[in-house]
Protein backbone atom coordinates (compact mmCIF):
# COMPACT_ATOMS: atom_id res chain seq x y z
CA MET A 1 0.03 0.15 0.00
CA THR A 2 1.21 3.39 -1.21
CA LYS A 3 1.52 6.11 1.49
CA HIS A 4 -0.02 9.43 0.56
CA VAL A 5 0.88 12.36 2.93
CA ILE A 6 1.32 15.90 1.14
CA PHE A 7 3.42 18.46 2.12
CA PRO A 8 4.14 21.83 0.86
CA GLN A 9 7.31 22.30 -0.87
CA THR A 10 8.85 26.04 -2.05
CA GLY A 11 10.10 26.42 -5.44
CA ILE A 12 10.32 29.20 -7.90
CA LEU A 13 7.30 28.56 -9.35
CA GLY A 14 5.27 29.47 -6.04
CA ASP A 15 3.39 26.77 -4.38
CA ALA A 16 4.32 23.58 -5.01
CA PHE A 17 3.37 20.22 -3.30
CA ALA A 18 4.84 16.56 -2.80
CA CYS A 19 3.13 13.51 -1.76
CA GLU A 20 5.02 10.65 0.32
CA CYS A 21 4.38 8.29 -2.72
CA GLY A 22 6.60 10.31 -5.14
CA VAL A 23 4.22 12.50 -6.78
CA VAL A 24 5.09 16.76 -7.01
CA LEU A 25 1.91 18.54 -7.43
CA GLY A 26 2.06 22.00 -8.97
CA GLY A 27 -0.54 24.35 -7.09
CA ARG A 28 -3.09 24.06 -4.42
CA MET A 29 -5.67 22.67 -6.32
CA THR A 30 -3.73 19.94 -7.83
CA ALA A 31 -3.13 18.76 -4.08
CA GLU A 32 -6.71 18.55 -3.11
CA LEU A 33 -7.34 16.22 -6.02
CA HIS A 34 -4.74 14.11 -5.12
CA ALA A 35 -5.83 13.93 -1.49
CA ALA A 36 -9.56 13.45 -2.23
CA GLU A 37 -8.48 10.89 -5.05
CA ASN A 38 -6.52 8.94 -1.67
CA GLY A 39 -8.79 9.10 0.68
CA LEU A 40 -6.73 12.11 2.53
CA CYS A 41 -8.49 15.37 3.87
CA SER A 42 -7.95 18.21 1.23
CA ALA A 43 -7.82 20.73 3.62
CA CYS A 44 -4.47 19.28 5.87
CA PHE A 45 -4.04 16.89 2.84
CA GLY A 46 -3.48 13.78 5.30
CA THR A 47 -1.15 15.67 7.75
CA ALA A 48 -3.97 15.99 10.12
CA GLU A 49 -2.33 19.20 11.30
CA GLU A 50 -3.51 22.97 9.80
CA GLU A 51 -1.15 26.43 10.30
CA ALA A 52 -3.33 28.56 12.38
CA ALA A 53 -1.12 31.01 12.51
CA PRO A 54 3.00 31.49 11.04
CA GLY A 55 4.50 29.16 13.36
CA LEU A 56 1.25 27.74 15.20
CA THR A 57 -0.17 24.52 14.25
CA ARG A 58 -3.12 22.64 15.76
CA GLY A 59 -5.02 19.37 14.91
CA CYS A 60 -7.13 20.00 11.40
CA THR A 61 -10.87 21.21 12.15
CA SER A 62 -11.69 20.35 8.53
CA CYS A 63 -11.15 16.12 9.45
CA ALA A 64 -11.01 16.44 13.23
CA GLY A 65 -7.34 15.76 13.19
CA THR A 66 -7.68 12.49 11.22
CA GLY A 67 -5.94 13.31 8.26
CA ARG A 68 -8.67 11.00 6.00
CA ARG A 69 -11.52 12.71 4.01
CA ARG A 70 -14.24 10.31 5.55
CA GLU A 71 -14.19 11.77 8.44
CA GLN A 72 -13.71 15.62 7.01
CA ILE A 73 -16.88 14.52 4.75
CA THR A 74 -18.56 13.68 8.00
CA TRP A 75 -17.45 17.24 9.56
CA GLN A 76 -18.71 19.07 6.87
CA LEU A 77 -21.91 17.78 6.54
CA ALA A 78 -22.91 17.91 10.10
CA HIS A 79 -22.06 21.70 9.93
CA ALA A 80 -24.09 22.24 6.93
CA GLU A 81 -27.01 20.33 8.13
CA ALA A 82 -26.16 22.58 11.32
CA GLU A 83 -26.71 25.57 9.33
CA HIS A 84 -29.76 24.53 7.59
CA LEU A 85 -31.72 22.94 10.84
CA ILE A 86 -30.50 26.45 13.41
CA THR A 87 -31.23 29.19 11.74
CA MET A 88 -31.27 32.99 13.24
CA THR A 89 -34.35 32.95 13.46
CA VAL A 90 -34.33 30.11 15.67
CA VAL A 91 -32.03 31.38 18.01
CA ARG A 92 -33.15 34.72 18.27
CA GLY A 93 -36.71 33.30 19.18
CA ILE A 94 -34.85 31.17 22.08
CA VAL A 95 -32.59 34.12 23.03
CA ALA A 96 -35.91 36.55 23.22
CA GLY A 97 -37.30 34.20 25.77
CA PHE A 98 -34.74 34.69 28.22
CA ASP A 99 -35.33 37.66 30.69
CA GLY A 100 -31.36 38.05 31.84
CA PRO A 101 -27.96 36.50 31.36
CA PHE A 102 -27.54 33.54 30.16
CA HIS A 103 -24.71 31.32 28.79
CA LEU A 104 -24.46 30.00 25.38
CA SER A 105 -24.77 26.54 26.66
CA GLU A 106 -28.44 27.06 27.95
CA ILE A 107 -29.09 28.42 24.28
CA ALA A 108 -27.83 25.70 22.58
CA ASP A 109 -29.46 23.07 25.14
CA THR A 110 -32.46 24.75 24.14
CA VAL A 111 -32.06 24.77 20.19
CA ARG A 112 -30.84 20.47 20.95
CA ASN A 113 -33.98 20.08 22.94
CA GLY A 114 -36.04 21.36 20.26
CA LEU A 115 -34.96 20.11 17.65
CA GLY A 116 -35.00 16.77 19.20
CA LEU A 117 -31.38 16.00 18.94
CA PRO A 118 -29.17 13.44 21.04
CA ALA A 119 -26.08 15.28 22.19
CA GLY A 120 -23.22 15.25 19.49
CA ARG A 121 -25.30 14.92 16.54
CA LEU A 122 -24.51 17.97 15.09
CA PRO A 123 -22.62 21.09 16.22
CA VAL A 124 -24.87 23.01 17.63
CA GLY A 125 -22.49 24.71 20.20
CA PRO A 126 -20.50 26.50 17.41
CA ARG A 127 -23.84 27.04 15.27
CA VAL A 128 -25.33 28.60 18.17
CA ARG A 129 -22.07 30.50 19.12
CA ASP A 130 -21.55 31.44 15.41
CA LEU A 131 -25.35 33.08 15.32
CA LEU A 132 -24.67 34.85 18.52
CA LEU A 133 -22.02 36.55 17.62
CA GLN A 134 -23.69 37.76 14.66
CA LEU A 135 -26.43 39.20 16.94
CA GLN A 136 -23.63 40.71 18.77
CA ALA A 137 -22.63 42.70 15.83
CA ALA A 138 -25.71 43.88 15.20
CA GLY A 139 -26.01 45.28 18.14
CA GLU A 140 -28.67 43.12 19.03
CA ILE A 141 -27.41 41.54 22.13
CA THR A 142 -23.56 42.25 24.10
CA MET A 143 -21.59 39.19 24.95
CA LEU A 144 -19.43 39.09 27.45
CA SER A 145 -17.47 36.63 29.25
CA ALA A 146 -17.30 36.78 33.01
CA PRO A 147 -14.43 35.19 35.98
CA ASP A 148 -15.57 32.43 38.00
CA GLU A 149 -13.62 33.71 40.53
CA MET A 150 -11.56 36.71 41.74
CA VAL A 151 -8.01 35.90 43.20
CA GLY A 152 -6.74 39.07 45.00
CA THR A 153 -7.19 42.38 44.05
CA ASP A 154 -5.50 42.03 40.21
CA MET A 155 -5.93 38.97 39.41
CA VAL A 156 -9.10 36.51 38.11
CA LEU A 157 -9.76 33.05 37.55
CA TYR A 158 -11.42 31.38 34.53
CA ARG A 159 -12.42 27.79 35.35
CA ASP A 160 -14.62 26.83 32.56
CA PRO A 161 -15.50 30.13 30.08
CA GLN A 162 -18.80 30.69 29.13
CA TRP A 163 -20.29 33.41 27.30
CA GLN A 164 -23.03 35.09 28.82
CA ARG A 165 -25.19 37.99 27.43
CA ALA A 166 -26.89 40.78 28.85
CA ARG A 167 -29.58 42.78 27.01
CA THR A 168 -28.54 46.40 25.54
CA LEU A 169 -30.12 49.09 27.11
CA GLY A 170 -30.52 51.98 24.76
CA LEU A 171 -26.80 51.93 23.82
């Protein structure tokens, strides 16, 4: 069985990639096609890591750090389904039902229960977070992160940060 993991190469022609199978790939599109044909994630090319910023790598978010195409497609389909089911109207309606500050997890749990989804079925939390951030950008809500505890007079402790929401009052 031939091993396939694709790595970027520097050269005078710009973006180029090389696969462990020996194939030299000119350009990102060619590398993505080779990755897909060989069951690799087309975002990380089978390395299971992505470069979030220059010099800072983390597990690939497209394939959940597996480097495989199957997981990437499953993840992408779950996100697409979440976008289709969890709309701004749904989240806005749930937010309107809360009188005071709330945790993001409370909104996500309400959405999950309202749609009858078992835990882990769809990325409900990330979708709800994205929509709450859109509501904040539109000025409909204000989100804040509150510390769990004050340590002394100049230090705060965050055990498990949760976004909270407070209504904007005439701001």
